[in-house]
Protein backbone atom coordinates (compact mmCIF):
# COMPACT_ATOMS: atom_id res chain seq x y z
CA UNK A 1 0.00 0.00 0.00
CA UNK A 2 2.82 2.39 0.77
CA UNK A 3 4.32 2.14 -2.72
CA UNK A 4 1.22 3.09 -4.69
CA UNK A 5 -1.81 4.13 -2.67
CA UNK A 6 -3.99 4.42 -5.77
CA UNK A 7 -3.39 1.06 -7.40
CA UNK A 8 -2.75 -1.11 -4.32
CA UNK A 9 -6.39 -1.18 -3.11
CA UNK A 10 -7.55 -2.15 -6.59
CA UNK A 11 -5.02 -4.99 -6.72
CA UNK A 12 -5.97 -6.11 -3.21
CA UNK A 13 -9.64 -6.19 -4.25
CA UNK A 14 -8.81 -8.37 -7.25
CA UNK A 15 -6.72 -10.60 -4.99
CA UNK A 16 -9.74 -11.03 -2.70
CA UNK A 17 -11.74 -12.13 -5.71
CA UNK A 18 -9.05 -14.68 -6.63
CA UNK A 19 -9.12 -16.02 -3.07
CA UNK A 20 -12.90 -16.33 -3.34
CA UNK A 21 -12.73 -18.25 -6.60
CA UNK A 22 -10.06 -20.54 -5.09
CA UNK A 23 -12.35 -21.34 -2.17
CA UNK A 24 -10.29 -19.39 0.39
CA UNK A 25 -13.26 -17.64 1.96
CA UNK A 26 -11.47 -16.39 5.10
CA UNK A 27 -8.52 -15.02 3.13
CA UNK A 28 -10.90 -13.20 0.77
CA UNK A 29 -12.80 -11.61 3.66
CA UNK A 30 -9.57 -10.58 5.37
CA UNK A 31 -8.25 -9.03 2.15
CA UNK A 32 -11.48 -7.11 1.57
CA UNK A 33 -11.58 -5.90 5.17
CA UNK A 34 -8.19 -4.22 4.71
CA UNK A 35 -9.25 -2.17 1.68
CA UNK A 36 -12.99 -1.60 1.97
CA UNK A 37 -12.57 1.79 3.71
CA UNK A 38 -9.70 3.04 1.54
CA UNK A 39 -9.98 5.36 -1.47
CA UNK A 40 -9.94 3.27 -4.66
CA UNK A 41 -11.07 0.24 -2.67
CA UNK A 42 -14.28 -1.62 -3.53
CA UNK A 43 -17.35 0.59 -3.47
CA UNK A 44 -20.73 -0.14 -1.92
CA UNK A 45 -22.26 -0.54 -5.38
CA UNK A 46 -19.53 -2.87 -6.59
CA UNK A 47 -19.86 -5.17 -3.60
CA UNK A 48 -23.65 -5.02 -3.54
CA UNK A 49 -24.41 -5.39 -7.25
CA UNK A 50 -21.44 -6.88 -9.11
CA UNK A 51 -22.11 -10.54 -9.91
CA UNK A 52 -18.43 -11.34 -9.30
CA UNK A 53 -19.24 -11.28 -5.56
CA UNK A 54 -22.31 -13.55 -5.78
CA UNK A 55 -20.53 -16.38 -3.92
CA UNK A 56 -20.61 -14.22 -0.77
CA UNK A 57 -24.24 -13.10 -0.90
CA UNK A 58 -25.95 -13.80 2.39
CA UNK A 59 -22.69 -14.18 4.32
CA UNK A 60 -22.84 -12.12 7.53
CA UNK A 61 -19.21 -10.98 7.32
CA UNK A 62 -19.64 -9.89 3.69
CA UNK A 63 -22.80 -7.98 4.57
CA UNK A 64 -20.83 -6.13 7.26
CA UNK A 65 -18.19 -5.22 4.67
CA UNK A 66 -20.92 -3.87 2.39
CA UNK A 67 -22.18 -1.73 5.29
CA UNK A 68 -18.64 -0.45 5.88
CA UNK A 69 -18.27 0.42 2.20
CA UNK A 70 -21.49 2.45 2.38
CA UNK A 71 -20.01 4.80 4.96
CA UNK A 72 -18.24 7.96 3.74
CA UNK A 73 -14.47 7.79 3.59
CA UNK A 74 -12.82 10.05 6.13
CA UNK A 75 -9.20 11.13 6.07
PDB file of N, CA and C in Angstrom:
ATOM      1  N   UNK A   1       0.811  -1.194   0.000  1.00  0.00           N
ATOM      2  CA  UNK A   1       0.000   0.000   0.000  1.00  0.00           C
ATOM      3  C   UNK A   1       0.851   1.254   0.000  1.00  0.00           C
ATOM      4  N   UNK A   2       2.005   1.194   0.640  1.00  0.00           N
ATOM      5  CA  UNK A   2       2.824   2.388   0.767  1.00  0.00           C
ATOM      6  C   UNK A   2       3.504   2.767  -0.548  1.00  0.00           C
ATOM      7  N   UNK A   3       3.634   1.833  -1.465  1.00  0.00           N
ATOM      8  CA  UNK A   3       4.322   2.144  -2.715  1.00  0.00           C
ATOM      9  C   UNK A   3       3.419   2.841  -3.729  1.00  0.00           C
ATOM     10  N   UNK A   4       2.152   2.466  -3.757  1.00  0.00           N
ATOM     11  CA  UNK A   4       1.225   3.086  -4.693  1.00  0.00           C
ATOM     12  C   UNK A   4      -0.180   3.040  -4.098  1.00  0.00           C
ATOM     13  N   UNK A   5      -0.548   4.086  -3.413  1.00  0.00           N
ATOM     14  CA  UNK A   5      -1.809   4.125  -2.673  1.00  0.00           C
ATOM     15  C   UNK A   5      -3.029   4.120  -3.590  1.00  0.00           C
ATOM     16  N   UNK A   6      -2.860   4.415  -4.849  1.00  0.00           N
ATOM     17  CA  UNK A   6      -3.987   4.418  -5.766  1.00  0.00           C
ATOM     18  C   UNK A   6      -4.253   3.033  -6.336  1.00  0.00           C
ATOM     19  N   UNK A   7      -3.228   2.347  -6.737  1.00  0.00           N
ATOM     20  CA  UNK A   7      -3.389   1.057  -7.403  1.00  0.00           C
ATOM     21  C   UNK A   7      -3.471  -0.104  -6.409  1.00  0.00           C
ATOM     22  N   UNK A   8      -2.815  -0.008  -5.280  1.00  0.00           N
ATOM     23  CA  UNK A   8      -2.748  -1.115  -4.323  1.00  0.00           C
ATOM     24  C   UNK A   8      -4.127  -1.588  -3.851  1.00  0.00           C
ATOM     25  N   UNK A   9      -5.070  -0.689  -3.508  1.00  0.00           N
ATOM     26  CA  UNK A   9      -6.391  -1.175  -3.107  1.00  0.00           C
ATOM     27  C   UNK A   9      -7.125  -1.909  -4.237  1.00  0.00           C
ATOM     28  N   UNK A  10      -6.924  -1.470  -5.461  1.00  0.00           N
ATOM     29  CA  UNK A  10      -7.549  -2.152  -6.590  1.00  0.00           C
ATOM     30  C   UNK A  10      -6.972  -3.555  -6.760  1.00  0.00           C
ATOM     31  N   UNK A  11      -5.657  -3.686  -6.613  1.00  0.00           N
ATOM     32  CA  UNK A  11      -5.015  -4.989  -6.719  1.00  0.00           C
ATOM     33  C   UNK A  11      -5.450  -5.888  -5.566  1.00  0.00           C
ATOM     34  N   UNK A  12      -5.543  -5.333  -4.364  1.00  0.00           N
ATOM     35  CA  UNK A  12      -5.971  -6.114  -3.207  1.00  0.00           C
ATOM     36  C   UNK A  12      -7.412  -6.598  -3.380  1.00  0.00           C
ATOM     37  N   UNK A  13      -8.261  -5.787  -3.983  1.00  0.00           N
ATOM     38  CA  UNK A  13      -9.644  -6.188  -4.247  1.00  0.00           C
ATOM     39  C   UNK A  13      -9.684  -7.346  -5.231  1.00  0.00           C
ATOM     40  N   UNK A  14      -8.885  -7.269  -6.278  1.00  0.00           N
ATOM     41  CA  UNK A  14      -8.810  -8.365  -7.247  1.00  0.00           C
ATOM     42  C   UNK A  14      -8.242  -9.628  -6.600  1.00  0.00           C
ATOM     43  N   UNK A  15      -7.284  -9.457  -5.699  1.00  0.00           N
ATOM     44  CA  UNK A  15      -6.721 -10.603  -4.991  1.00  0.00           C
ATOM     45  C   UNK A  15      -7.780 -11.264  -4.116  1.00  0.00           C
ATOM     46  N   UNK A  16      -8.643 -10.475  -3.491  1.00  0.00           N
ATOM     47  CA  UNK A  16      -9.742 -11.028  -2.698  1.00  0.00           C
ATOM     48  C   UNK A  16     -10.668 -11.861  -3.579  1.00  0.00           C
ATOM     49  N   UNK A  17     -10.909 -11.388  -4.773  1.00  0.00           N
ATOM     50  CA  UNK A  17     -11.743 -12.133  -5.708  1.00  0.00           C
ATOM     51  C   UNK A  17     -11.083 -13.458  -6.098  1.00  0.00           C
ATOM     52  N   UNK A  18      -9.787 -13.442  -6.313  1.00  0.00           N
ATOM     53  CA  UNK A  18      -9.051 -14.677  -6.630  1.00  0.00           C
ATOM     54  C   UNK A  18      -9.140 -15.656  -5.463  1.00  0.00           C
ATOM     55  N   UNK A  19      -8.973 -15.156  -4.247  1.00  0.00           N
ATOM     56  CA  UNK A  19      -9.124 -16.018  -3.072  1.00  0.00           C
ATOM     57  C   UNK A  19     -10.527 -16.640  -3.044  1.00  0.00           C
ATOM     58  N   UNK A  20     -11.527 -15.830  -3.344  1.00  0.00           N
ATOM     59  CA  UNK A  20     -12.904 -16.328  -3.336  1.00  0.00           C
ATOM     60  C   UNK A  20     -13.092 -17.441  -4.356  1.00  0.00           C
ATOM     61  N   UNK A  21     -12.591 -17.235  -5.556  1.00  0.00           N
ATOM     62  CA  UNK A  21     -12.725 -18.250  -6.596  1.00  0.00           C
ATOM     63  C   UNK A  21     -11.957 -19.520  -6.260  1.00  0.00           C
ATOM     64  N   UNK A  22     -10.871 -19.382  -5.481  1.00  0.00           N
ATOM     65  CA  UNK A  22     -10.064 -20.538  -5.086  1.00  0.00           C
ATOM     66  C   UNK A  22     -10.638 -21.249  -3.860  1.00  0.00           C
ATOM     67  N   UNK A  23     -11.729 -20.716  -3.312  1.00  0.00           N
ATOM     68  CA  UNK A  23     -12.351 -21.340  -2.165  1.00  0.00           C
ATOM     69  C   UNK A  23     -11.768 -20.913  -0.829  1.00  0.00           C
ATOM     70  N   UNK A  24     -10.902 -19.910  -0.836  1.00  0.00           N
ATOM     71  CA  UNK A  24     -10.288 -19.387   0.386  1.00  0.00           C
ATOM     72  C   UNK A  24     -11.145 -18.248   0.936  1.00  0.00           C
ATOM     73  N   UNK A  25     -12.274 -18.611   1.507  1.00  0.00           N
ATOM     74  CA  UNK A  25     -13.261 -17.640   1.965  1.00  0.00           C
ATOM     75  C   UNK A  25     -12.687 -16.692   3.021  1.00  0.00           C
ATOM     76  N   UNK A  26     -12.008 -17.230   4.023  1.00  0.00           N
ATOM     77  CA  UNK A  26     -11.467 -16.391   5.096  1.00  0.00           C
ATOM     78  C   UNK A  26     -10.412 -15.418   4.584  1.00  0.00           C
ATOM     79  N   UNK A  27      -9.548 -15.889   3.695  1.00  0.00           N
ATOM     80  CA  UNK A  27      -8.519 -15.015   3.130  1.00  0.00           C
ATOM     81  C   UNK A  27      -9.149 -13.902   2.303  1.00  0.00           C
ATOM     82  N   UNK A  28     -10.207 -14.215   1.572  1.00  0.00           N
ATOM     83  CA  UNK A  28     -10.900 -13.200   0.768  1.00  0.00           C
ATOM     84  C   UNK A  28     -11.529 -12.133   1.661  1.00  0.00           C
ATOM     85  N   UNK A  29     -12.173 -12.566   2.735  1.00  0.00           N
ATOM     86  CA  UNK A  29     -12.801 -11.608   3.664  1.00  0.00           C
ATOM     87  C   UNK A  29     -11.749 -10.741   4.343  1.00  0.00           C
ATOM     88  N   UNK A  30     -10.643 -11.344   4.727  1.00  0.00           N
ATOM     89  CA  UNK A  30      -9.569 -10.584   5.369  1.00  0.00           C
ATOM     90  C   UNK A  30      -8.992  -9.545   4.403  1.00  0.00           C
ATOM     91  N   UNK A  31      -8.790  -9.952   3.162  1.00  0.00           N
ATOM     92  CA  UNK A  31      -8.250  -9.034   2.148  1.00  0.00           C
ATOM     93  C   UNK A  31      -9.219  -7.879   1.910  1.00  0.00           C
ATOM     94  N   UNK A  32     -10.494  -8.165   1.787  1.00  0.00           N
ATOM     95  CA  UNK A  32     -11.484  -7.111   1.572  1.00  0.00           C
ATOM     96  C   UNK A  32     -11.571  -6.173   2.771  1.00  0.00           C
ATOM     97  N   UNK A  33     -11.484  -6.726   3.959  1.00  0.00           N
ATOM     98  CA  UNK A  33     -11.577  -5.900   5.172  1.00  0.00           C
ATOM     99  C   UNK A  33     -10.463  -4.868   5.238  1.00  0.00           C
ATOM    100  N   UNK A  34      -9.310  -5.164   4.660  1.00  0.00           N
ATOM    101  CA  UNK A  34      -8.193  -4.223   4.714  1.00  0.00           C
ATOM    102  C   UNK A  34      -8.359  -3.057   3.743  1.00  0.00           C
ATOM    103  N   UNK A  35      -9.165  -3.226   2.702  1.00  0.00           N
ATOM    104  CA  UNK A  35      -9.251  -2.174   1.679  1.00  0.00           C
ATOM    105  C   UNK A  35     -10.625  -1.539   1.522  1.00  0.00           C
ATOM    106  N   UNK A  36     -11.637  -2.070   2.208  1.00  0.00           N
ATOM    107  CA  UNK A  36     -12.993  -1.599   1.966  1.00  0.00           C
ATOM    108  C   UNK A  36     -13.187  -0.130   2.356  1.00  0.00           C
ATOM    109  N   UNK A  37     -12.418   0.392   3.281  1.00  0.00           N
ATOM    110  CA  UNK A  37     -12.569   1.788   3.710  1.00  0.00           C
ATOM    111  C   UNK A  37     -11.511   2.710   3.112  1.00  0.00           C
ATOM    112  N   UNK A  38     -10.746   2.225   2.153  1.00  0.00           N
ATOM    113  CA  UNK A  38      -9.704   3.043   1.536  1.00  0.00           C
ATOM    114  C   UNK A  38     -10.194   3.655   0.228  1.00  0.00           C
ATOM    115  N   UNK A  39      -9.695   4.833  -0.132  1.00  0.00           N
ATOM    116  CA  UNK A  39      -9.982   5.358  -1.468  1.00  0.00           C
ATOM    117  C   UNK A  39      -9.477   4.370  -2.520  1.00  0.00           C
ATOM    118  N   UNK A  40     -10.231   4.195  -3.564  1.00  0.00           N
ATOM    119  CA  UNK A  40      -9.940   3.268  -4.658  1.00  0.00           C
ATOM    120  C   UNK A  40     -10.137   1.816  -4.257  1.00  0.00           C
ATOM    121  N   UNK A  41     -10.690   1.584  -3.076  1.00  0.00           N
ATOM    122  CA  UNK A  41     -11.069   0.238  -2.672  1.00  0.00           C
ATOM    123  C   UNK A  41     -12.427  -0.098  -3.280  1.00  0.00           C
ATOM    124  N   UNK A  42     -12.971  -1.253  -2.963  1.00  0.00           N
ATOM    125  CA  UNK A  42     -14.277  -1.619  -3.525  1.00  0.00           C
ATOM    126  C   UNK A  42     -15.375  -0.705  -2.989  1.00  0.00           C
ATOM    127  N   UNK A  43     -16.258  -0.309  -3.858  1.00  0.00           N
ATOM    128  CA  UNK A  43     -17.349   0.586  -3.469  1.00  0.00           C
ATOM    129  C   UNK A  43     -18.559  -0.223  -2.995  1.00  0.00           C
ATOM    130  N   UNK A  44     -19.478   0.474  -2.349  1.00  0.00           N
ATOM    131  CA  UNK A  44     -20.730  -0.145  -1.924  1.00  0.00           C
ATOM    132  C   UNK A  44     -21.435  -0.793  -3.112  1.00  0.00           C
ATOM    133  N   UNK A  45     -21.564  -0.036  -4.191  1.00  0.00           N
ATOM    134  CA  UNK A  45     -22.256  -0.541  -5.379  1.00  0.00           C
ATOM    135  C   UNK A  45     -21.581  -1.749  -5.987  1.00  0.00           C
ATOM    136  N   UNK A  46     -20.262  -1.729  -6.027  1.00  0.00           N
ATOM    137  CA  UNK A  46     -19.530  -2.866  -6.589  1.00  0.00           C
ATOM    138  C   UNK A  46     -19.769  -4.125  -5.764  1.00  0.00           C
ATOM    139  N   UNK A  47     -19.668  -4.005  -4.454  1.00  0.00           N
ATOM    140  CA  UNK A  47     -19.859  -5.169  -3.597  1.00  0.00           C
ATOM    141  C   UNK A  47     -21.311  -5.637  -3.589  1.00  0.00           C
ATOM    142  N   UNK A  48     -22.234  -4.702  -3.632  1.00  0.00           N
ATOM    143  CA  UNK A  48     -23.654  -5.025  -3.537  1.00  0.00           C
ATOM    144  C   UNK A  48     -24.217  -5.588  -4.843  1.00  0.00           C
ATOM    145  N   UNK A  49     -23.750  -5.077  -5.990  1.00  0.00           N
ATOM    146  CA  UNK A  49     -24.406  -5.393  -7.254  1.00  0.00           C
ATOM    147  C   UNK A  49     -23.581  -6.216  -8.245  1.00  0.00           C
ATOM    148  N   UNK A  50     -22.277  -6.187  -8.127  1.00  0.00           N
ATOM    149  CA  UNK A  50     -21.437  -6.877  -9.111  1.00  0.00           C
ATOM    150  C   UNK A  50     -21.569  -8.386  -8.954  1.00  0.00           C
ATOM    151  N   UNK A  51     -21.929  -9.094 -10.016  1.00  0.00           N
ATOM    152  CA  UNK A  51     -22.111 -10.545  -9.912  1.00  0.00           C
ATOM    153  C   UNK A  51     -20.827 -11.314  -9.567  1.00  0.00           C
ATOM    154  N   UNK A  52     -19.680 -10.663  -9.671  1.00  0.00           N
ATOM    155  CA  UNK A  52     -18.433 -11.343  -9.299  1.00  0.00           C
ATOM    156  C   UNK A  52     -18.421 -11.719  -7.821  1.00  0.00           C
ATOM    157  N   UNK A  53     -19.209 -11.032  -7.007  1.00  0.00           N
ATOM    158  CA  UNK A  53     -19.239 -11.281  -5.563  1.00  0.00           C
ATOM    159  C   UNK A  53     -20.421 -12.148  -5.138  1.00  0.00           C
ATOM    160  N   UNK A  54     -21.117 -12.764  -6.092  1.00  0.00           N
ATOM    161  CA  UNK A  54     -22.307 -13.554  -5.782  1.00  0.00           C
ATOM    162  C   UNK A  54     -22.038 -14.713  -4.821  1.00  0.00           C
ATOM    163  N   UNK A  55     -20.851 -15.268  -4.812  1.00  0.00           N
ATOM    164  CA  UNK A  55     -20.532 -16.383  -3.915  1.00  0.00           C
ATOM    165  C   UNK A  55     -20.662 -15.990  -2.442  1.00  0.00           C
ATOM    166  N   UNK A  56     -20.571 -14.693  -2.147  1.00  0.00           N
ATOM    167  CA  UNK A  56     -20.612 -14.221  -0.770  1.00  0.00           C
ATOM    168  C   UNK A  56     -21.971 -13.672  -0.349  1.00  0.00           C
ATOM    169  N   UNK A  57     -22.922 -13.630  -1.253  1.00  0.00           N
ATOM    170  CA  UNK A  57     -24.242 -13.102  -0.905  1.00  0.00           C
ATOM    171  C   UNK A  57     -24.824 -13.888   0.271  1.00  0.00           C
ATOM    172  N   UNK A  58     -25.363 -13.167   1.230  1.00  0.00           N
ATOM    173  CA  UNK A  58     -25.954 -13.797   2.392  1.00  0.00           C
ATOM    174  C   UNK A  58     -24.986 -14.088   3.524  1.00  0.00           C
ATOM    175  N   UNK A  59     -23.687 -13.959   3.270  1.00  0.00           N
ATOM    176  CA  UNK A  59     -22.688 -14.178   4.319  1.00  0.00           C
ATOM    177  C   UNK A  59     -22.677 -12.969   5.252  1.00  0.00           C
ATOM    178  N   UNK A  60     -22.767 -13.206   6.540  1.00  0.00           N
ATOM    179  CA  UNK A  60     -22.840 -12.118   7.529  1.00  0.00           C
ATOM    180  C   UNK A  60     -21.622 -11.201   7.470  1.00  0.00           C
ATOM    181  N   UNK A  61     -20.432 -11.780   7.357  1.00  0.00           N
ATOM    182  CA  UNK A  61     -19.207 -10.982   7.320  1.00  0.00           C
ATOM    183  C   UNK A  61     -19.173 -10.113   6.061  1.00  0.00           C
ATOM    184  N   UNK A  62     -19.607 -10.658   4.932  1.00  0.00           N
ATOM    185  CA  UNK A  62     -19.638  -9.895   3.688  1.00  0.00           C
ATOM    186  C   UNK A  62     -20.649  -8.756   3.784  1.00  0.00           C
ATOM    187  N   UNK A  63     -21.790  -9.023   4.395  1.00  0.00           N
ATOM    188  CA  UNK A  63     -22.801  -7.977   4.569  1.00  0.00           C
ATOM    189  C   UNK A  63     -22.263  -6.842   5.436  1.00  0.00           C
ATOM    190  N   UNK A  64     -21.454  -7.158   6.436  1.00  0.00           N
ATOM    191  CA  UNK A  64     -20.834  -6.126   7.263  1.00  0.00           C
ATOM    192  C   UNK A  64     -19.848  -5.295   6.445  1.00  0.00           C
ATOM    193  N   UNK A  65     -19.120  -5.949   5.537  1.00  0.00           N
ATOM    194  CA  UNK A  65     -18.186  -5.215   4.673  1.00  0.00           C
ATOM    195  C   UNK A  65     -18.946  -4.286   3.728  1.00  0.00           C
ATOM    196  N   UNK A  66     -20.095  -4.733   3.244  1.00  0.00           N
ATOM    197  CA  UNK A  66     -20.918  -3.870   2.394  1.00  0.00           C
ATOM    198  C   UNK A  66     -21.364  -2.643   3.183  1.00  0.00           C
ATOM    199  N   UNK A  67     -21.768  -2.850   4.431  1.00  0.00           N
ATOM    200  CA  UNK A  67     -22.184  -1.731   5.286  1.00  0.00           C
ATOM    201  C   UNK A  67     -21.018  -0.770   5.527  1.00  0.00           C
ATOM    202  N   UNK A  68     -19.821  -1.295   5.704  1.00  0.00           N
ATOM    203  CA  UNK A  68     -18.635  -0.447   5.879  1.00  0.00           C
ATOM    204  C   UNK A  68     -18.359   0.356   4.614  1.00  0.00           C
ATOM    205  N   UNK A  69     -18.521  -0.269   3.465  1.00  0.00           N
ATOM    206  CA  UNK A  69     -18.272   0.416   2.195  1.00  0.00           C
ATOM    207  C   UNK A  69     -19.281   1.536   1.959  1.00  0.00           C
ATOM    208  N   UNK A  70     -20.459   1.427   2.550  1.00  0.00           N
ATOM    209  CA  UNK A  70     -21.493   2.447   2.379  1.00  0.00           C
ATOM    210  C   UNK A  70     -21.189   3.722   3.149  1.00  0.00           C
ATOM    211  N   UNK A  71     -20.342   3.627   4.154  1.00  0.00           N
ATOM    212  CA  UNK A  71     -20.008   4.799   4.958  1.00  0.00           C
ATOM    213  C   UNK A  71     -19.077   5.724   4.186  1.00  0.00           C
ATOM    214  N   UNK A  72     -19.158   7.029   4.416  1.00  0.00           N
ATOM    215  CA  UNK A  72     -18.244   7.957   3.743  1.00  0.00           C
ATOM    216  C   UNK A  72     -16.801   7.730   4.183  1.00  0.00           C
ATOM    217  N   UNK A  73     -15.889   7.917   3.271  1.00  0.00           N
ATOM    218  CA  UNK A  73     -14.473   7.786   3.587  1.00  0.00           C
ATOM    219  C   UNK A  73     -14.006   9.064   4.282  1.00  0.00           C
ATOM    220  N   UNK A  74     -13.355   8.906   5.408  1.00  0.00           N
ATOM    221  CA  UNK A  74     -12.821  10.049   6.130  1.00  0.00           C
ATOM    222  C   UNK A  74     -11.300   9.967   6.132  1.00  0.00           C
ATOM    223  N   UNK A  75     -10.671  11.093   6.091  1.00  0.00           N
ATOM    224  CA  UNK A  75      -9.198  11.128   6.065  1.00  0.00           C
ATOM    225  C   UNK A  75      -8.669  11.573   7.395  1.00  0.00           C
TER     226      UNK A  75
END
